[in-house]
Amino acid sequence: MTTTAINRPPGGRYALGHTPDEYERLRAQARMWDAATGRLLDQIGLGPGASCLDAGCGPGETMRAMAERVGSAGRVLGIDADAALGGMALEMLHGDGYRHCAFHAQDLTAGEPIPGAPYDLVYARLLLFHLPQRVDVLARLWEAVAPGGHLLVQDFDLRGTSSLPQLDSVADGLRLVTGAFGAASADVSAGARLPQLFAQAGVGTPDGTDVAGHLM
């Protein structure tokens, strides 16, 4: 996974479906990345009173991490095209006391304005990977960043996936996975291409890039 962050100066269709099993996989994947994502949120100085947007929020685990840092004086909005998953995420967050979280069902590829903008932090994890309109969506996310705020993006580059020792079965599986995602108009190299996507979207050169190796 590659992470790219930038500070703003002072429809895509989800290929993996919308099943209970996929929802649980998303929750497990989010838990796997809790530490890495939390480290980045702390690195950009996310703190009390800040406003946050989680674009493609899925099961809401990163919304929780944001809500913990911004406190009740802040606000966290999750956006996702999957209204059912977003509704479950919001119910869970409110049940755990994070009443300053909200959810809005929206397809970010449709070109509609992002509600509640601008935000001190606009965040997206594994979103651009799935969207053929990734440059347009990235530009729209950048427009939602407040002056002095941050755009933080985490995404995969599947091309470097391998095993030690090298196994033909792993290589064959990787070809199958990358071929299937490619056929669904996903970009299996989105993580490595984040600086290029930022440039194409008119965002500019990222302030920093962080590379980590978890995959689920």
N, C-alpha and C. Protein backbone atom coordinates (compact mmCIF):
# COMPACT_ATOMS: atom_id res chain seq x y z
N MET A 1 0.85 -1.19 0.00
CA MET A 1 0.00 0.00 0.00
C MET A 1 0.88 1.24 0.00
N THR A 2 0.53 2.21 -0.80
CA THR A 2 1.23 3.47 -0.81
C THR A 2 0.31 4.57 -0.31
N THR A 3 0.87 5.45 0.49
CA THR A 3 0.13 6.57 1.03
C THR A 3 0.74 7.86 0.51
N THR A 4 -0.09 8.75 0.05
CA THR A 4 0.37 10.06 -0.39
C THR A 4 -0.46 11.11 0.31
N ALA A 5 0.22 12.13 0.80
CA ALA A 5 -0.48 13.20 1.51
C ALA A 5 -0.05 14.54 0.96
N ILE A 6 -0.98 15.48 0.97
CA ILE A 6 -0.66 16.84 0.54
C ILE A 6 -1.38 17.81 1.44
N ASN A 7 -0.72 18.90 1.74
CA ASN A 7 -1.31 19.98 2.52
C ASN A 7 -1.76 21.07 1.58
N ARG A 8 -3.00 21.50 1.72
CA ARG A 8 -3.50 22.57 0.86
C ARG A 8 -3.06 23.90 1.46
N PRO A 9 -2.32 24.72 0.73
CA PRO A 9 -1.78 25.96 1.26
C PRO A 9 -2.87 26.88 1.80
N PRO A 10 -2.31 27.94 3.36
CA PRO A 10 -3.19 29.00 3.97
C PRO A 10 -3.49 30.07 3.03
N GLY A 11 -19.97 6.21 -12.71
CA GLY A 11 -19.69 5.57 -11.64
C GLY A 11 -19.06 4.28 -11.61
N GLY A 12 -18.14 4.72 -10.84
CA GLY A 12 -17.41 3.53 -10.49
C GLY A 12 -18.28 2.48 -9.83
N ARG A 13 -17.97 1.23 -10.03
CA ARG A 13 -18.74 0.11 -9.48
C ARG A 13 -17.78 -0.76 -8.69
N TYR A 14 -18.16 -1.15 -7.47
CA TYR A 14 -17.29 -1.91 -6.59
C TYR A 14 -17.27 -3.36 -7.04
N ALA A 15 -16.08 -3.85 -7.45
CA ALA A 15 -15.98 -5.15 -8.11
C ALA A 15 -16.17 -6.32 -7.15
N LEU A 16 -16.02 -6.11 -5.84
CA LEU A 16 -16.05 -7.22 -4.89
C LEU A 16 -17.42 -7.48 -4.30
N GLY A 17 -18.41 -6.71 -4.72
CA GLY A 17 -19.78 -7.00 -4.33
C GLY A 17 -20.18 -6.38 -3.00
N HIS A 18 -21.41 -6.67 -2.58
CA HIS A 18 -22.00 -6.07 -1.39
C HIS A 18 -22.67 -7.16 -0.56
N THR A 19 -21.86 -8.11 -0.12
CA THR A 19 -22.36 -9.25 0.63
C THR A 19 -21.88 -9.17 2.08
N PRO A 20 -22.54 -9.90 3.00
CA PRO A 20 -22.06 -9.95 4.38
C PRO A 20 -20.60 -10.40 4.49
N ASP A 21 -20.21 -11.37 3.67
CA ASP A 21 -18.82 -11.83 3.71
C ASP A 21 -17.86 -10.71 3.30
N GLU A 22 -18.23 -9.95 2.27
CA GLU A 22 -17.37 -8.85 1.84
C GLU A 22 -17.31 -7.75 2.89
N TYR A 23 -18.44 -7.49 3.54
CA TYR A 23 -18.44 -6.48 4.60
C TYR A 23 -17.50 -6.90 5.73
N GLU A 24 -17.52 -8.18 6.08
CA GLU A 24 -16.64 -8.64 7.15
C GLU A 24 -15.17 -8.58 6.71
N ARG A 25 -14.90 -8.87 5.43
CA ARG A 25 -13.53 -8.75 4.94
C ARG A 25 -13.06 -7.31 5.02
N LEU A 26 -13.93 -6.36 4.68
CA LEU A 26 -13.58 -4.95 4.76
C LEU A 26 -13.27 -4.54 6.20
N ARG A 27 -14.07 -5.05 7.16
CA ARG A 27 -13.81 -4.73 8.56
C ARG A 27 -12.45 -5.29 9.00
N ALA A 28 -12.16 -6.53 8.59
CA ALA A 28 -10.88 -7.14 8.96
C ALA A 28 -9.72 -6.39 8.32
N GLN A 29 -9.89 -5.99 7.07
CA GLN A 29 -8.85 -5.23 6.38
C GLN A 29 -8.60 -3.90 7.08
N ALA A 30 -9.68 -3.24 7.49
CA ALA A 30 -9.53 -1.95 8.18
C ALA A 30 -8.79 -2.12 9.49
N ARG A 31 -9.11 -3.19 10.23
CA ARG A 31 -8.42 -3.43 11.50
C ARG A 31 -6.94 -3.68 11.28
N MET A 32 -6.61 -4.36 10.18
CA MET A 32 -5.21 -4.62 9.86
C MET A 32 -4.43 -3.33 9.66
N TRP A 33 -5.11 -2.30 9.13
CA TRP A 33 -4.44 -1.04 8.82
C TRP A 33 -4.63 0.03 9.88
N ASP A 34 -5.24 -0.33 11.02
CA ASP A 34 -5.48 0.65 12.07
C ASP A 34 -4.20 1.38 12.48
N ALA A 35 -3.14 0.63 12.76
CA ALA A 35 -1.91 1.24 13.27
C ALA A 35 -1.28 2.16 12.24
N ALA A 36 -1.20 1.70 10.98
CA ALA A 36 -0.56 2.51 9.94
C ALA A 36 -1.36 3.77 9.66
N THR A 37 -2.69 3.64 9.60
CA THR A 37 -3.53 4.80 9.33
C THR A 37 -3.50 5.77 10.51
N GLY A 38 -3.55 5.24 11.72
CA GLY A 38 -3.48 6.09 12.90
C GLY A 38 -2.18 6.88 12.96
N ARG A 39 -1.10 6.22 12.60
CA ARG A 39 0.20 6.92 12.60
C ARG A 39 0.17 8.10 11.64
N LEU A 40 -0.46 7.93 10.49
CA LEU A 40 -0.52 9.01 9.51
C LEU A 40 -1.44 10.13 9.97
N LEU A 41 -2.56 9.79 10.60
CA LEU A 41 -3.44 10.82 11.12
C LEU A 41 -2.72 11.66 12.18
N ASP A 42 -1.91 11.00 12.99
CA ASP A 42 -1.14 11.74 13.99
C ASP A 42 -0.03 12.56 13.35
N GLN A 43 0.54 12.02 12.28
CA GLN A 43 1.63 12.73 11.59
C GLN A 43 1.17 14.07 11.01
N ILE A 44 -0.06 14.11 10.52
CA ILE A 44 -0.56 15.38 9.97
C ILE A 44 -1.16 16.28 11.05
N GLY A 45 -1.16 15.79 12.29
CA GLY A 45 -1.60 16.62 13.40
C GLY A 45 -3.10 16.72 13.57
N LEU A 46 -3.84 15.67 13.18
CA LEU A 46 -5.29 15.71 13.35
C LEU A 46 -5.63 15.77 14.83
N GLY A 47 -6.39 16.79 15.23
CA GLY A 47 -6.66 16.98 16.64
C GLY A 47 -8.05 17.51 16.93
N PRO A 48 -8.30 17.86 18.18
CA PRO A 48 -9.63 18.27 18.62
C PRO A 48 -10.21 19.42 17.79
N GLY A 49 -11.50 19.28 17.45
CA GLY A 49 -12.22 20.33 16.76
C GLY A 49 -12.12 20.29 15.24
N ALA A 50 -11.32 19.38 14.70
CA ALA A 50 -11.13 19.34 13.25
C ALA A 50 -12.35 18.73 12.56
N SER A 51 -12.52 19.08 11.29
CA SER A 51 -13.57 18.50 10.46
C SER A 51 -12.95 17.52 9.47
N CYS A 52 -13.57 16.35 9.30
CA CYS A 52 -12.98 15.28 8.50
C CYS A 52 -14.00 14.69 7.53
N LEU A 53 -13.53 14.32 6.36
CA LEU A 53 -14.32 13.59 5.38
C LEU A 53 -13.61 12.28 5.09
N ASP A 54 -14.32 11.16 5.25
CA ASP A 54 -13.81 9.85 4.87
C ASP A 54 -14.53 9.44 3.59
N ALA A 55 -13.84 9.56 2.46
CA ALA A 55 -14.43 9.29 1.15
C ALA A 55 -14.29 7.80 0.83
N GLY A 56 -15.43 7.14 0.64
CA GLY A 56 -15.42 5.69 0.49
C GLY A 56 -15.21 5.05 1.84
N CYS A 57 -16.03 5.43 2.82
CA CYS A 57 -15.79 5.10 4.22
C CYS A 57 -16.00 3.64 4.55
N GLY A 58 -16.72 2.89 3.71
CA GLY A 58 -16.92 1.48 3.97
C GLY A 58 -17.51 1.21 5.34
N PRO A 59 -16.89 0.32 6.15
CA PRO A 59 -17.46 -0.07 7.43
C PRO A 59 -17.23 0.93 8.56
N GLY A 60 -16.56 2.05 8.28
CA GLY A 60 -16.48 3.14 9.25
C GLY A 60 -15.34 3.06 10.24
N GLU A 61 -14.40 2.13 10.07
CA GLU A 61 -13.33 2.00 11.04
C GLU A 61 -12.40 3.21 11.06
N THR A 62 -12.15 3.81 9.90
CA THR A 62 -11.31 5.01 9.89
C THR A 62 -12.07 6.21 10.41
N MET A 63 -13.38 6.24 10.22
CA MET A 63 -14.19 7.29 10.84
C MET A 63 -14.02 7.25 12.36
N ARG A 64 -13.95 6.06 12.92
CA ARG A 64 -13.74 5.91 14.36
C ARG A 64 -12.41 6.53 14.77
N ALA A 65 -11.36 6.22 14.02
CA ALA A 65 -10.04 6.76 14.34
C ALA A 65 -10.04 8.29 14.27
N MET A 66 -10.73 8.83 13.29
CA MET A 66 -10.84 10.28 13.19
C MET A 66 -11.64 10.86 14.35
N ALA A 67 -12.76 10.22 14.66
CA ALA A 67 -13.64 10.71 15.72
C ALA A 67 -12.93 10.74 17.06
N GLU A 68 -12.10 9.74 17.32
CA GLU A 68 -11.35 9.70 18.57
C GLU A 68 -10.42 10.90 18.69
N ARG A 69 -9.85 11.32 17.57
CA ARG A 69 -8.87 12.41 17.60
C ARG A 69 -9.51 13.80 17.61
N VAL A 70 -10.63 13.96 16.92
CA VAL A 70 -11.22 15.30 16.82
C VAL A 70 -12.15 15.61 17.99
N GLY A 71 -12.62 14.58 18.67
CA GLY A 71 -13.47 14.78 19.83
C GLY A 71 -14.84 15.33 19.46
N SER A 72 -15.64 15.57 20.49
CA SER A 72 -17.02 16.00 20.27
C SER A 72 -17.12 17.39 19.65
N ALA A 73 -16.05 18.18 19.74
CA ALA A 73 -16.05 19.50 19.12
C ALA A 73 -15.79 19.44 17.62
N GLY A 74 -15.34 18.29 17.12
CA GLY A 74 -15.09 18.10 15.70
C GLY A 74 -16.25 17.43 15.01
N ARG A 75 -16.07 17.13 13.74
CA ARG A 75 -17.11 16.43 12.98
C ARG A 75 -16.46 15.51 11.97
N VAL A 76 -17.11 14.39 11.74
CA VAL A 76 -16.61 13.38 10.80
C VAL A 76 -17.77 12.96 9.91
N LEU A 77 -17.61 13.11 8.61
CA LEU A 77 -18.61 12.65 7.65
C LEU A 77 -18.03 11.53 6.82
N GLY A 78 -18.73 10.42 6.75
CA GLY A 78 -18.37 9.34 5.86
C GLY A 78 -19.26 9.36 4.63
N ILE A 79 -18.65 9.18 3.47
CA ILE A 79 -19.39 9.09 2.21
C ILE A 79 -19.10 7.74 1.57
N ASP A 80 -20.14 7.08 1.10
CA ASP A 80 -19.95 5.82 0.40
C ASP A 80 -21.16 5.59 -0.49
N ALA A 81 -20.95 4.92 -1.61
CA ALA A 81 -22.05 4.60 -2.51
C ALA A 81 -22.93 3.48 -1.95
N ASP A 82 -22.39 2.70 -1.00
CA ASP A 82 -23.13 1.59 -0.41
C ASP A 82 -23.87 2.11 0.82
N ALA A 83 -25.14 2.46 0.64
CA ALA A 83 -25.92 3.04 1.72
C ALA A 83 -26.13 2.06 2.87
N ALA A 84 -26.26 0.77 2.56
CA ALA A 84 -26.48 -0.22 3.62
C ALA A 84 -25.26 -0.34 4.52
N LEU A 85 -24.09 -0.43 3.93
CA LEU A 85 -22.87 -0.54 4.71
C LEU A 85 -22.62 0.73 5.52
N GLY A 86 -22.86 1.89 4.90
CA GLY A 86 -22.68 3.15 5.61
C GLY A 86 -23.65 3.29 6.78
N GLY A 87 -24.87 2.83 6.60
CA GLY A 87 -25.84 2.88 7.67
C GLY A 87 -25.43 2.01 8.85
N MET A 88 -24.89 0.82 8.56
CA MET A 88 -24.41 -0.05 9.63
C MET A 88 -23.23 0.58 10.35
N ALA A 89 -22.35 1.21 9.58
CA ALA A 89 -21.19 1.87 10.18
C ALA A 89 -21.63 2.98 11.13
N LEU A 90 -22.59 3.78 10.70
CA LEU A 90 -23.04 4.90 11.53
C LEU A 90 -23.74 4.39 12.79
N GLU A 91 -24.54 3.35 12.67
CA GLU A 91 -25.21 2.78 13.84
C GLU A 91 -24.17 2.30 14.86
N MET A 92 -23.12 1.64 14.37
CA MET A 92 -22.06 1.16 15.24
C MET A 92 -21.35 2.33 15.94
N LEU A 93 -21.01 3.37 15.18
CA LEU A 93 -20.29 4.51 15.74
C LEU A 93 -21.13 5.25 16.77
N HIS A 94 -22.39 5.48 16.46
CA HIS A 94 -23.27 6.16 17.41
C HIS A 94 -23.46 5.31 18.66
N GLY A 95 -23.54 3.99 18.49
CA GLY A 95 -23.67 3.10 19.64
C GLY A 95 -22.46 3.13 20.55
N ASP A 96 -21.30 3.44 19.98
CA ASP A 96 -20.07 3.52 20.76
C ASP A 96 -19.81 4.93 21.28
N GLY A 97 -20.77 5.83 21.07
CA GLY A 97 -20.66 7.16 21.64
C GLY A 97 -20.13 8.23 20.72
N TYR A 98 -19.86 7.90 19.47
CA TYR A 98 -19.31 8.89 18.53
C TYR A 98 -20.46 9.58 17.78
N ARG A 99 -21.19 10.39 18.51
CA ARG A 99 -22.36 11.06 17.95
C ARG A 99 -21.98 12.18 16.99
N HIS A 100 -20.71 12.56 16.95
CA HIS A 100 -20.27 13.61 16.04
C HIS A 100 -19.91 13.05 14.67
N CYS A 101 -20.27 11.79 14.42
CA CYS A 101 -20.10 11.17 13.11
C CYS A 101 -21.43 11.19 12.34
N ALA A 102 -21.35 11.34 11.03
CA ALA A 102 -22.52 11.31 10.17
C ALA A 102 -22.17 10.53 8.91
N PHE A 103 -23.19 10.09 8.19
CA PHE A 103 -22.98 9.35 6.94
C PHE A 103 -23.88 9.93 5.86
N HIS A 104 -23.33 9.97 4.64
CA HIS A 104 -24.09 10.43 3.48
C HIS A 104 -23.86 9.45 2.34
N ALA A 105 -24.94 8.87 1.82
CA ALA A 105 -24.84 7.95 0.69
C ALA A 105 -24.67 8.74 -0.60
N GLN A 106 -23.55 8.54 -1.27
CA GLN A 106 -23.28 9.30 -2.50
C GLN A 106 -22.27 8.56 -3.36
N ASP A 107 -22.54 8.53 -4.64
CA ASP A 107 -21.60 8.00 -5.62
C ASP A 107 -20.67 9.14 -6.01
N LEU A 108 -19.43 9.06 -5.61
CA LEU A 108 -18.48 10.15 -5.85
C LEU A 108 -18.14 10.33 -7.32
N THR A 109 -18.51 9.37 -8.15
CA THR A 109 -18.26 9.51 -9.59
C THR A 109 -19.35 10.28 -10.30
N ALA A 110 -20.44 10.61 -9.59
CA ALA A 110 -21.60 11.23 -10.24
C ALA A 110 -21.43 12.74 -10.46
N GLY A 111 -20.41 13.33 -9.86
CA GLY A 111 -20.15 14.75 -10.08
C GLY A 111 -20.91 15.68 -9.16
N GLU A 112 -21.65 15.15 -8.20
CA GLU A 112 -22.39 15.99 -7.27
C GLU A 112 -21.44 16.63 -6.26
N PRO A 113 -21.77 17.82 -5.77
CA PRO A 113 -20.92 18.48 -4.76
C PRO A 113 -20.81 17.63 -3.51
N ILE A 114 -19.68 17.71 -2.85
CA ILE A 114 -19.47 17.01 -1.59
C ILE A 114 -20.10 17.83 -0.47
N PRO A 115 -21.04 17.26 0.27
CA PRO A 115 -21.74 18.04 1.30
C PRO A 115 -20.81 18.40 2.46
N GLY A 116 -21.06 19.55 3.06
CA GLY A 116 -20.34 19.93 4.27
C GLY A 116 -18.96 20.48 4.07
N ALA A 117 -18.51 20.59 2.82
CA ALA A 117 -17.15 21.08 2.56
C ALA A 117 -17.07 22.57 2.90
N PRO A 118 -15.87 23.04 3.24
CA PRO A 118 -14.58 22.34 3.20
C PRO A 118 -14.27 21.61 4.51
N TYR A 119 -13.27 20.72 4.43
CA TYR A 119 -12.86 19.91 5.56
C TYR A 119 -11.37 20.12 5.85
N ASP A 120 -11.02 20.02 7.12
CA ASP A 120 -9.61 20.10 7.50
C ASP A 120 -8.84 18.88 7.00
N LEU A 121 -9.52 17.74 6.94
CA LEU A 121 -8.92 16.52 6.41
C LEU A 121 -9.90 15.85 5.47
N VAL A 122 -9.44 15.57 4.26
CA VAL A 122 -10.18 14.72 3.32
C VAL A 122 -9.32 13.47 3.12
N TYR A 123 -9.92 12.32 3.40
CA TYR A 123 -9.18 11.06 3.44
C TYR A 123 -9.85 10.04 2.53
N ALA A 124 -9.04 9.23 1.84
CA ALA A 124 -9.57 8.15 1.01
C ALA A 124 -8.61 6.96 1.06
N ARG A 125 -9.14 5.79 1.38
CA ARG A 125 -8.31 4.58 1.40
C ARG A 125 -8.93 3.54 0.47
N LEU A 126 -8.13 3.05 -0.47
CA LEU A 126 -8.56 2.03 -1.43
C LEU A 126 -9.81 2.45 -2.18
N LEU A 127 -9.90 3.72 -2.46
CA LEU A 127 -11.03 4.26 -3.23
C LEU A 127 -10.66 4.39 -4.70
N LEU A 128 -9.57 5.08 -5.00
CA LEU A 128 -9.19 5.34 -6.38
C LEU A 128 -8.91 4.06 -7.13
N PHE A 129 -8.40 3.05 -6.44
CA PHE A 129 -8.14 1.72 -7.00
C PHE A 129 -9.35 1.22 -7.80
N HIS A 130 -10.55 1.45 -7.27
CA HIS A 130 -11.77 0.86 -7.84
C HIS A 130 -12.46 1.75 -8.88
N LEU A 131 -12.03 3.01 -9.03
CA LEU A 131 -12.81 3.96 -9.82
C LEU A 131 -12.15 4.30 -11.15
N PRO A 132 -12.80 3.99 -12.27
CA PRO A 132 -12.25 4.42 -13.57
C PRO A 132 -12.12 5.94 -13.65
N GLN A 133 -12.97 6.67 -12.95
CA GLN A 133 -12.96 8.14 -12.97
C GLN A 133 -12.06 8.69 -11.86
N ARG A 134 -10.95 7.99 -11.58
CA ARG A 134 -10.14 8.30 -10.40
C ARG A 134 -9.59 9.72 -10.41
N VAL A 135 -9.22 10.24 -11.58
CA VAL A 135 -8.66 11.59 -11.64
C VAL A 135 -9.73 12.63 -11.32
N ASP A 136 -10.91 12.46 -11.88
CA ASP A 136 -12.00 13.40 -11.61
C ASP A 136 -12.39 13.37 -10.14
N VAL A 137 -12.45 12.17 -9.56
CA VAL A 137 -12.82 12.06 -8.15
C VAL A 137 -11.75 12.69 -7.27
N LEU A 138 -10.49 12.46 -7.59
CA LEU A 138 -9.41 13.05 -6.81
C LEU A 138 -9.47 14.58 -6.86
N ALA A 139 -9.75 15.13 -8.03
CA ALA A 139 -9.89 16.58 -8.14
C ALA A 139 -11.04 17.09 -7.29
N ARG A 140 -12.14 16.33 -7.26
CA ARG A 140 -13.30 16.74 -6.46
C ARG A 140 -12.98 16.67 -4.97
N LEU A 141 -12.21 15.68 -4.57
CA LEU A 141 -11.80 15.58 -3.16
C LEU A 141 -10.90 16.76 -2.78
N TRP A 142 -10.02 17.14 -3.68
CA TRP A 142 -9.13 18.26 -3.41
C TRP A 142 -9.91 19.57 -3.24
N GLU A 143 -10.95 19.71 -4.02
CA GLU A 143 -11.78 20.91 -3.91
C GLU A 143 -12.47 20.99 -2.54
N ALA A 144 -12.63 19.85 -1.87
CA ALA A 144 -13.30 19.83 -0.58
C ALA A 144 -12.36 20.08 0.59
N VAL A 145 -11.07 20.28 0.32
CA VAL A 145 -10.09 20.52 1.38
C VAL A 145 -10.05 22.01 1.72
N ALA A 146 -10.13 22.30 3.01
CA ALA A 146 -10.07 23.70 3.46
C ALA A 146 -8.66 24.24 3.33
N PRO A 147 -8.49 25.54 3.16
CA PRO A 147 -7.15 26.13 3.19
C PRO A 147 -6.43 25.73 4.48
N GLY A 148 -5.20 25.25 4.33
CA GLY A 148 -4.45 24.77 5.48
C GLY A 148 -4.74 23.33 5.84
N GLY A 149 -5.71 22.70 5.14
CA GLY A 149 -6.08 21.32 5.43
C GLY A 149 -5.24 20.33 4.66
N HIS A 150 -5.61 19.06 4.79
CA HIS A 150 -4.84 17.97 4.19
C HIS A 150 -5.72 17.05 3.34
N LEU A 151 -5.14 16.57 2.26
CA LEU A 151 -5.70 15.47 1.47
C LEU A 151 -4.79 14.28 1.69
N LEU A 152 -5.32 13.19 2.23
CA LEU A 152 -4.55 12.00 2.57
C LEU A 152 -5.15 10.80 1.84
N VAL A 153 -4.34 10.13 1.04
CA VAL A 153 -4.83 9.03 0.20
C VAL A 153 -3.95 7.81 0.42
N GLN A 154 -4.59 6.66 0.68
CA GLN A 154 -3.89 5.39 0.77
C GLN A 154 -4.44 4.46 -0.30
N ASP A 155 -3.55 3.80 -1.05
CA ASP A 155 -4.03 2.89 -2.08
C ASP A 155 -3.00 1.80 -2.36
N PHE A 156 -3.46 0.73 -3.01
CA PHE A 156 -2.64 -0.45 -3.29
C PHE A 156 -1.88 -0.33 -4.60
N ASP A 157 -0.74 -1.03 -4.65
CA ASP A 157 -0.09 -1.40 -5.90
C ASP A 157 0.12 -2.92 -5.81
N LEU A 158 -0.72 -3.66 -6.51
CA LEU A 158 -0.70 -5.12 -6.41
C LEU A 158 0.43 -5.76 -7.19
N ARG A 159 1.11 -5.01 -8.05
CA ARG A 159 2.09 -5.62 -8.95
C ARG A 159 3.28 -6.20 -8.21
N GLY A 160 3.60 -5.69 -7.03
CA GLY A 160 4.77 -6.18 -6.30
C GLY A 160 4.46 -7.33 -5.37
N THR A 161 3.24 -7.84 -5.38
CA THR A 161 2.87 -8.95 -4.52
C THR A 161 3.61 -10.22 -4.92
N SER A 162 4.24 -10.89 -3.96
CA SER A 162 5.01 -12.10 -4.26
C SER A 162 5.11 -12.94 -3.00
N SER A 163 5.83 -14.04 -3.07
CA SER A 163 6.02 -14.91 -1.92
C SER A 163 7.47 -15.35 -1.84
N LEU A 164 7.90 -15.66 -0.62
CA LEU A 164 9.23 -16.25 -0.40
C LEU A 164 9.03 -17.54 0.38
N PRO A 165 9.41 -18.70 -0.17
CA PRO A 165 10.00 -18.86 -1.50
C PRO A 165 8.97 -18.58 -2.60
N GLN A 166 9.46 -18.34 -3.80
CA GLN A 166 8.56 -18.07 -4.91
C GLN A 166 7.77 -19.33 -5.25
N LEU A 167 6.47 -19.14 -5.43
CA LEU A 167 5.58 -20.25 -5.73
C LEU A 167 4.80 -19.97 -7.00
N ASP A 168 4.74 -20.93 -7.89
CA ASP A 168 3.98 -20.76 -9.12
C ASP A 168 2.51 -20.49 -8.83
N SER A 169 1.99 -21.11 -7.77
CA SER A 169 0.57 -20.93 -7.45
C SER A 169 0.28 -19.48 -7.06
N VAL A 170 1.22 -18.84 -6.37
CA VAL A 170 1.03 -17.44 -5.99
C VAL A 170 1.08 -16.55 -7.22
N ALA A 171 2.03 -16.81 -8.11
CA ALA A 171 2.14 -16.03 -9.34
C ALA A 171 0.89 -16.19 -10.20
N ASP A 172 0.40 -17.43 -10.29
CA ASP A 172 -0.81 -17.68 -11.08
C ASP A 172 -2.01 -16.96 -10.44
N GLY A 173 -2.09 -17.01 -9.12
CA GLY A 173 -3.19 -16.34 -8.43
C GLY A 173 -3.15 -14.84 -8.63
N LEU A 174 -1.94 -14.26 -8.59
CA LEU A 174 -1.79 -12.82 -8.78
C LEU A 174 -2.22 -12.42 -10.19
N ARG A 175 -1.85 -13.22 -11.19
CA ARG A 175 -2.28 -12.92 -12.56
C ARG A 175 -3.80 -12.96 -12.67
N LEU A 176 -4.41 -13.91 -12.00
CA LEU A 176 -5.87 -14.02 -12.03
C LEU A 176 -6.51 -12.80 -11.37
N VAL A 177 -5.99 -12.41 -10.20
CA VAL A 177 -6.56 -11.28 -9.46
C VAL A 177 -6.39 -9.98 -10.23
N THR A 178 -5.17 -9.72 -10.71
CA THR A 178 -4.94 -8.47 -11.43
C THR A 178 -5.73 -8.43 -12.73
N GLY A 179 -5.88 -9.58 -13.39
CA GLY A 179 -6.67 -9.62 -14.61
C GLY A 179 -8.14 -9.33 -14.34
N ALA A 180 -8.65 -9.89 -13.24
CA ALA A 180 -10.06 -9.67 -12.89
C ALA A 180 -10.31 -8.21 -12.53
N PHE A 181 -9.42 -7.63 -11.72
CA PHE A 181 -9.59 -6.23 -11.37
C PHE A 181 -9.45 -5.33 -12.60
N GLY A 182 -8.51 -5.66 -13.47
CA GLY A 182 -8.34 -4.87 -14.69
C GLY A 182 -9.58 -4.92 -15.56
N ALA A 183 -10.21 -6.10 -15.64
CA ALA A 183 -11.42 -6.23 -16.44
C ALA A 183 -12.57 -5.41 -15.85
N ALA A 184 -12.50 -5.15 -14.53
CA ALA A 184 -13.52 -4.35 -13.86
C ALA A 184 -13.15 -2.86 -13.83
N SER A 185 -12.13 -2.49 -14.63
CA SER A 185 -11.67 -1.10 -14.75
C SER A 185 -11.00 -0.57 -13.49
N ALA A 186 -10.55 -1.48 -12.60
CA ALA A 186 -9.76 -1.06 -11.45
C ALA A 186 -8.32 -0.82 -11.92
N ASP A 187 -7.57 -0.10 -11.11
CA ASP A 187 -6.17 0.19 -11.42
C ASP A 187 -5.30 -0.48 -10.36
N VAL A 188 -4.69 -1.62 -10.70
CA VAL A 188 -3.92 -2.38 -9.72
C VAL A 188 -2.62 -1.69 -9.35
N SER A 189 -2.25 -0.64 -10.05
CA SER A 189 -1.03 0.11 -9.72
C SER A 189 -1.35 1.50 -9.17
N ALA A 190 -2.57 1.70 -8.69
CA ALA A 190 -3.01 3.03 -8.24
C ALA A 190 -2.09 3.60 -7.17
N GLY A 191 -1.66 2.75 -6.23
CA GLY A 191 -0.80 3.24 -5.16
C GLY A 191 0.49 3.84 -5.66
N ALA A 192 1.15 3.14 -6.59
CA ALA A 192 2.41 3.64 -7.13
C ALA A 192 2.20 4.87 -8.00
N ARG A 193 1.00 5.01 -8.53
CA ARG A 193 0.74 6.12 -9.45
C ARG A 193 0.12 7.34 -8.76
N LEU A 194 0.03 7.33 -7.42
CA LEU A 194 -0.61 8.45 -6.75
C LEU A 194 0.01 9.81 -7.10
N PRO A 195 1.33 9.96 -7.11
CA PRO A 195 1.87 11.26 -7.50
C PRO A 195 1.44 11.69 -8.90
N GLN A 196 1.39 10.72 -9.84
CA GLN A 196 0.94 11.02 -11.19
C GLN A 196 -0.53 11.42 -11.20
N LEU A 197 -1.36 10.69 -10.43
CA LEU A 197 -2.78 11.02 -10.36
C LEU A 197 -2.99 12.39 -9.73
N PHE A 198 -2.20 12.74 -8.71
CA PHE A 198 -2.30 14.06 -8.11
C PHE A 198 -2.02 15.13 -9.16
N ALA A 199 -0.99 14.91 -9.97
CA ALA A 199 -0.64 15.90 -11.00
C ALA A 199 -1.75 16.02 -12.02
N GLN A 200 -2.30 14.88 -12.47
CA GLN A 200 -3.36 14.90 -13.47
C GLN A 200 -4.62 15.59 -12.94
N ALA A 201 -4.85 15.48 -11.63
CA ALA A 201 -6.04 16.08 -11.03
C ALA A 201 -5.83 17.56 -10.71
N GLY A 202 -4.63 18.07 -10.95
CA GLY A 202 -4.36 19.48 -10.67
C GLY A 202 -4.09 19.77 -9.21
N VAL A 203 -3.79 18.73 -8.43
CA VAL A 203 -3.55 18.91 -7.01
C VAL A 203 -2.15 19.44 -6.75
N GLY A 204 -1.19 18.96 -7.52
CA GLY A 204 0.19 19.37 -7.32
C GLY A 204 1.03 18.22 -6.80
N THR A 205 2.25 18.51 -6.43
CA THR A 205 3.19 17.50 -5.95
C THR A 205 2.88 17.13 -4.51
N PRO A 206 2.74 15.85 -4.18
CA PRO A 206 2.46 15.45 -2.79
C PRO A 206 3.57 15.91 -1.85
N ASP A 207 3.18 16.22 -0.63
CA ASP A 207 4.14 16.61 0.40
C ASP A 207 4.92 15.42 0.92
N GLY A 208 4.33 14.24 0.84
CA GLY A 208 5.02 13.07 1.38
C GLY A 208 4.40 11.79 0.88
N THR A 209 5.20 10.72 0.88
CA THR A 209 4.74 9.40 0.46
C THR A 209 5.26 8.37 1.47
N ASP A 210 4.41 7.42 1.82
CA ASP A 210 4.74 6.39 2.80
C ASP A 210 4.37 5.06 2.19
N VAL A 211 5.27 4.08 2.25
CA VAL A 211 5.03 2.78 1.62
C VAL A 211 5.00 1.70 2.70
N ALA A 212 3.97 0.87 2.71
CA ALA A 212 3.86 -0.24 3.63
C ALA A 212 3.38 -1.45 2.85
N GLY A 213 3.45 -2.64 3.49
CA GLY A 213 3.28 -3.86 2.70
C GLY A 213 2.18 -4.80 3.08
N HIS A 214 1.14 -4.36 3.77
CA HIS A 214 0.06 -5.26 4.13
C HIS A 214 -0.93 -5.41 2.98
N LEU A 215 -1.46 -6.63 2.84
CA LEU A 215 -2.45 -6.90 1.80
C LEU A 215 -3.42 -7.92 2.34
N MET A 216 -4.72 -7.66 2.14
CA MET A 216 -5.73 -8.64 2.56
C MET A 216 -6.90 -8.61 1.57
